[in-house]
Amino acid sequence: MAGAVLVKGGGYAAARAALAAKRKRGERGPQIAATKQLVSVRYSPEVLQYFKASGSGWQTRMNEALLDWINKRSASGRSGA
């Protein structure tokens, strides 16, 4: 197992301490591959206001709305333009 932490004795507390020494709270481990790509896009104020008004997670919801749009267009056989 790559990246496994083996601790002899001490149980849960010892394992937790070993993991804490390996990575600080809030730090992410190394990513195998980027799951998303960083881009710069300009949206109309109305679009941003709509998604931001829904609260935290608005970027995820915007991504889901775009994916839904793609899936509907792909299912209907229409081209991307």
N, C-alpha and C. Protein backbone atom coordinates (compact mmCIF):
# COMPACT_ATOMS: atom_id res chain seq x y z
N MET A 1 0.84 -1.19 0.00
CA MET A 1 0.00 0.00 0.00
C MET A 1 0.88 1.24 0.00
N ALA A 2 0.82 1.99 -1.06
CA ALA A 2 1.60 3.22 -1.15
C ALA A 2 1.06 4.25 -0.17
N GLY A 3 1.92 4.87 0.56
CA GLY A 3 1.53 5.93 1.49
C GLY A 3 0.91 5.44 2.78
N ALA A 4 0.93 4.13 3.04
CA ALA A 4 0.35 3.58 4.25
C ALA A 4 1.22 3.94 5.45
N VAL A 5 0.57 4.14 6.58
CA VAL A 5 1.27 4.43 7.83
C VAL A 5 1.08 3.23 8.74
N LEU A 6 2.17 2.53 9.05
CA LEU A 6 2.10 1.37 9.93
C LEU A 6 2.64 1.76 11.30
N VAL A 7 1.87 1.45 12.34
CA VAL A 7 2.24 1.78 13.70
C VAL A 7 2.08 0.53 14.55
N LYS A 8 3.15 0.14 15.25
CA LYS A 8 3.06 -1.02 16.13
C LYS A 8 2.66 -0.55 17.52
N GLY A 9 1.60 -1.12 18.06
CA GLY A 9 1.15 -0.78 19.40
C GLY A 9 0.59 0.63 19.47
N GLY A 10 -0.08 0.93 20.55
CA GLY A 10 -0.58 2.28 20.76
C GLY A 10 -1.97 2.52 20.21
N GLY A 11 -2.43 1.65 19.33
CA GLY A 11 -3.79 1.74 18.80
C GLY A 11 -4.07 3.00 18.01
N TYR A 12 -5.29 3.44 18.15
CA TYR A 12 -5.80 4.57 17.37
C TYR A 12 -5.01 5.85 17.62
N ALA A 13 -4.71 6.14 18.86
CA ALA A 13 -3.99 7.37 19.20
C ALA A 13 -2.61 7.42 18.54
N ALA A 14 -1.91 6.30 18.53
CA ALA A 14 -0.59 6.26 17.91
C ALA A 14 -0.69 6.42 16.39
N ALA A 15 -1.69 5.80 15.80
CA ALA A 15 -1.87 5.93 14.36
C ALA A 15 -2.22 7.36 13.99
N ARG A 16 -3.09 7.98 14.78
CA ARG A 16 -3.47 9.38 14.54
C ARG A 16 -2.28 10.31 14.67
N ALA A 17 -1.43 10.09 15.65
CA ALA A 17 -0.23 10.91 15.84
C ALA A 17 0.72 10.75 14.67
N ALA A 18 0.86 9.52 14.18
CA ALA A 18 1.74 9.27 13.04
C ALA A 18 1.23 9.97 11.79
N LEU A 19 -0.07 9.95 11.59
CA LEU A 19 -0.66 10.64 10.43
C LEU A 19 -0.52 12.15 10.57
N ALA A 20 -0.69 12.67 11.79
CA ALA A 20 -0.56 14.11 12.02
C ALA A 20 0.84 14.59 11.71
N ALA A 21 1.84 13.76 12.01
CA ALA A 21 3.22 14.14 11.72
C ALA A 21 3.48 14.13 10.21
N LYS A 22 2.73 13.33 9.50
CA LYS A 22 2.91 13.20 8.06
C LYS A 22 2.28 14.36 7.29
N ARG A 23 1.11 14.83 7.74
CA ARG A 23 0.39 15.88 7.03
C ARG A 23 -0.35 16.76 8.03
N LYS A 24 -0.30 18.06 7.83
CA LYS A 24 -0.97 19.00 8.73
C LYS A 24 -2.45 19.07 8.40
N ARG A 25 -3.24 19.48 9.38
CA ARG A 25 -4.69 19.63 9.21
C ARG A 25 -4.98 20.62 8.08
N GLY A 26 -5.87 20.23 7.19
CA GLY A 26 -6.24 21.08 6.09
C GLY A 26 -5.40 20.89 4.84
N GLU A 27 -4.29 20.19 4.96
CA GLU A 27 -3.45 19.92 3.79
C GLU A 27 -4.01 18.74 3.03
N ARG A 28 -3.99 18.85 1.72
CA ARG A 28 -4.40 17.74 0.88
C ARG A 28 -3.19 16.94 0.49
N GLY A 29 -3.40 15.69 0.29
CA GLY A 29 -2.34 14.83 -0.20
C GLY A 29 -2.09 15.09 -1.68
N PRO A 30 -1.05 14.50 -2.22
CA PRO A 30 -0.76 14.70 -3.63
C PRO A 30 -1.88 14.12 -4.50
N GLN A 31 -2.24 14.85 -5.53
CA GLN A 31 -3.31 14.41 -6.43
C GLN A 31 -2.72 13.57 -7.56
N ILE A 32 -3.36 12.49 -7.88
CA ILE A 32 -2.90 11.61 -8.96
C ILE A 32 -3.03 12.35 -10.29
N ALA A 33 -4.17 12.95 -10.52
CA ALA A 33 -4.40 13.73 -11.72
C ALA A 33 -5.39 14.84 -11.38
N ALA A 34 -5.22 15.96 -12.03
CA ALA A 34 -6.13 17.09 -11.79
C ALA A 34 -7.54 16.68 -12.20
N THR A 35 -8.52 16.95 -11.33
CA THR A 35 -9.89 16.59 -11.65
C THR A 35 -10.60 17.72 -12.38
N LYS A 36 -10.10 18.92 -12.23
CA LYS A 36 -10.69 20.07 -12.90
C LYS A 36 -9.57 20.95 -13.44
N GLN A 37 -9.92 21.80 -14.36
CA GLN A 37 -8.93 22.67 -15.00
C GLN A 37 -9.25 24.12 -14.66
N LEU A 38 -8.23 24.88 -14.27
CA LEU A 38 -8.40 26.29 -13.94
C LEU A 38 -8.48 27.11 -15.22
N VAL A 39 -9.55 27.90 -15.35
CA VAL A 39 -9.73 28.77 -16.51
C VAL A 39 -10.24 30.13 -16.04
N SER A 40 -10.14 31.10 -16.91
CA SER A 40 -10.69 32.42 -16.64
C SER A 40 -11.84 32.64 -17.61
N VAL A 41 -13.04 32.86 -17.07
CA VAL A 41 -14.24 33.02 -17.90
C VAL A 41 -15.00 34.25 -17.43
N ARG A 42 -15.63 34.94 -18.37
CA ARG A 42 -16.46 36.10 -18.02
C ARG A 42 -17.92 35.73 -18.20
N TYR A 43 -18.71 35.93 -17.12
CA TYR A 43 -20.14 35.67 -17.16
C TYR A 43 -20.88 36.98 -16.96
N SER A 44 -22.12 37.03 -17.43
CA SER A 44 -22.93 38.22 -17.22
C SER A 44 -23.24 38.35 -15.73
N PRO A 45 -23.45 39.58 -15.26
CA PRO A 45 -23.76 39.78 -13.84
C PRO A 45 -25.00 38.99 -13.40
N GLU A 46 -25.97 38.83 -14.29
CA GLU A 46 -27.19 38.10 -13.94
C GLU A 46 -26.90 36.63 -13.66
N VAL A 47 -26.01 36.02 -14.45
CA VAL A 47 -25.66 34.62 -14.24
C VAL A 47 -24.95 34.45 -12.91
N LEU A 48 -23.98 35.30 -12.64
CA LEU A 48 -23.26 35.21 -11.36
C LEU A 48 -24.18 35.46 -10.18
N GLN A 49 -25.05 36.45 -10.29
CA GLN A 49 -25.97 36.75 -9.20
C GLN A 49 -26.88 35.56 -8.91
N TYR A 50 -27.36 34.92 -9.97
CA TYR A 50 -28.24 33.76 -9.81
C TYR A 50 -27.55 32.64 -9.04
N PHE A 51 -26.35 32.28 -9.44
CA PHE A 51 -25.66 31.17 -8.79
C PHE A 51 -25.14 31.54 -7.40
N LYS A 52 -24.61 32.75 -7.24
CA LYS A 52 -24.10 33.17 -5.93
C LYS A 52 -25.22 33.31 -4.90
N ALA A 53 -26.42 33.67 -5.36
CA ALA A 53 -27.56 33.83 -4.45
C ALA A 53 -27.95 32.50 -3.80
N SER A 54 -27.55 31.40 -4.42
CA SER A 54 -27.91 30.09 -3.87
C SER A 54 -26.96 29.67 -2.74
N GLY A 55 -25.97 30.51 -2.44
CA GLY A 55 -25.10 30.26 -1.30
C GLY A 55 -23.84 29.50 -1.62
N SER A 56 -23.22 29.00 -0.56
CA SER A 56 -21.96 28.28 -0.68
C SER A 56 -22.12 27.09 -1.63
N GLY A 57 -21.09 26.87 -2.44
CA GLY A 57 -21.13 25.77 -3.40
C GLY A 57 -21.66 26.19 -4.75
N TRP A 58 -21.79 27.50 -4.98
CA TRP A 58 -22.38 27.98 -6.23
C TRP A 58 -21.55 27.58 -7.44
N GLN A 59 -20.23 27.49 -7.30
CA GLN A 59 -19.40 27.10 -8.44
C GLN A 59 -19.65 25.65 -8.82
N THR A 60 -19.85 24.80 -7.83
CA THR A 60 -20.16 23.40 -8.09
C THR A 60 -21.50 23.28 -8.80
N ARG A 61 -22.49 24.06 -8.34
CA ARG A 61 -23.80 24.04 -8.98
C ARG A 61 -23.73 24.58 -10.41
N MET A 62 -22.89 25.57 -10.64
CA MET A 62 -22.71 26.10 -11.99
C MET A 62 -22.09 25.01 -12.88
N ASN A 63 -21.11 24.30 -12.36
CA ASN A 63 -20.48 23.21 -13.10
C ASN A 63 -21.52 22.13 -13.43
N GLU A 64 -22.36 21.78 -12.45
CA GLU A 64 -23.40 20.77 -12.67
C GLU A 64 -24.40 21.21 -13.73
N ALA A 65 -24.77 22.50 -13.72
CA ALA A 65 -25.70 23.03 -14.72
C ALA A 65 -25.09 22.94 -16.12
N LEU A 66 -23.81 23.25 -16.23
CA LEU A 66 -23.14 23.16 -17.53
C LEU A 66 -23.03 21.71 -18.00
N LEU A 67 -22.71 20.80 -17.08
CA LEU A 67 -22.65 19.38 -17.44
C LEU A 67 -24.01 18.87 -17.89
N ASP A 68 -25.07 19.31 -17.21
CA ASP A 68 -26.42 18.92 -17.58
C ASP A 68 -26.75 19.42 -18.98
N TRP A 69 -26.37 20.64 -19.28
CA TRP A 69 -26.59 21.23 -20.60
C TRP A 69 -25.87 20.40 -21.67
N ILE A 70 -24.63 20.02 -21.39
CA ILE A 70 -23.86 19.20 -22.33
C ILE A 70 -24.54 17.86 -22.56
N ASN A 71 -24.95 17.21 -21.47
CA ASN A 71 -25.60 15.90 -21.58
C ASN A 71 -26.89 15.97 -22.38
N LYS A 72 -27.69 17.01 -22.18
CA LYS A 72 -28.95 17.15 -22.92
C LYS A 72 -28.67 17.38 -24.40
N ARG A 73 -27.69 18.18 -24.71
CA ARG A 73 -27.36 18.45 -26.12
C ARG A 73 -26.77 17.20 -26.78
N SER A 74 -25.96 16.46 -26.04
CA SER A 74 -25.38 15.23 -26.60
C SER A 74 -26.45 14.18 -26.85
N ALA A 75 -27.41 14.09 -25.96
CA ALA A 75 -28.48 13.10 -26.07
C ALA A 75 -29.41 13.42 -27.24
N SER A 76 -29.56 14.69 -27.56
CA SER A 76 -30.47 15.06 -28.65
C SER A 76 -29.80 15.00 -30.01
N GLY A 77 -28.49 14.76 -30.05
CA GLY A 77 -27.77 14.63 -31.31
C GLY A 77 -27.37 15.93 -31.94
N ARG A 78 -27.53 17.03 -31.22
CA ARG A 78 -27.14 18.33 -31.78
C ARG A 78 -25.65 18.55 -31.63
N SER A 79 -25.09 19.34 -32.52
CA SER A 79 -23.66 19.67 -32.44
C SER A 79 -23.46 20.75 -31.39
N GLY A 80 -22.19 21.03 -31.05
CA GLY A 80 -21.86 21.97 -29.97
C GLY A 80 -22.12 23.42 -30.25
N ALA A 81 -22.44 23.85 -31.46
CA ALA A 81 -22.60 25.28 -31.74
C ALA A 81 -24.03 25.70 -31.83
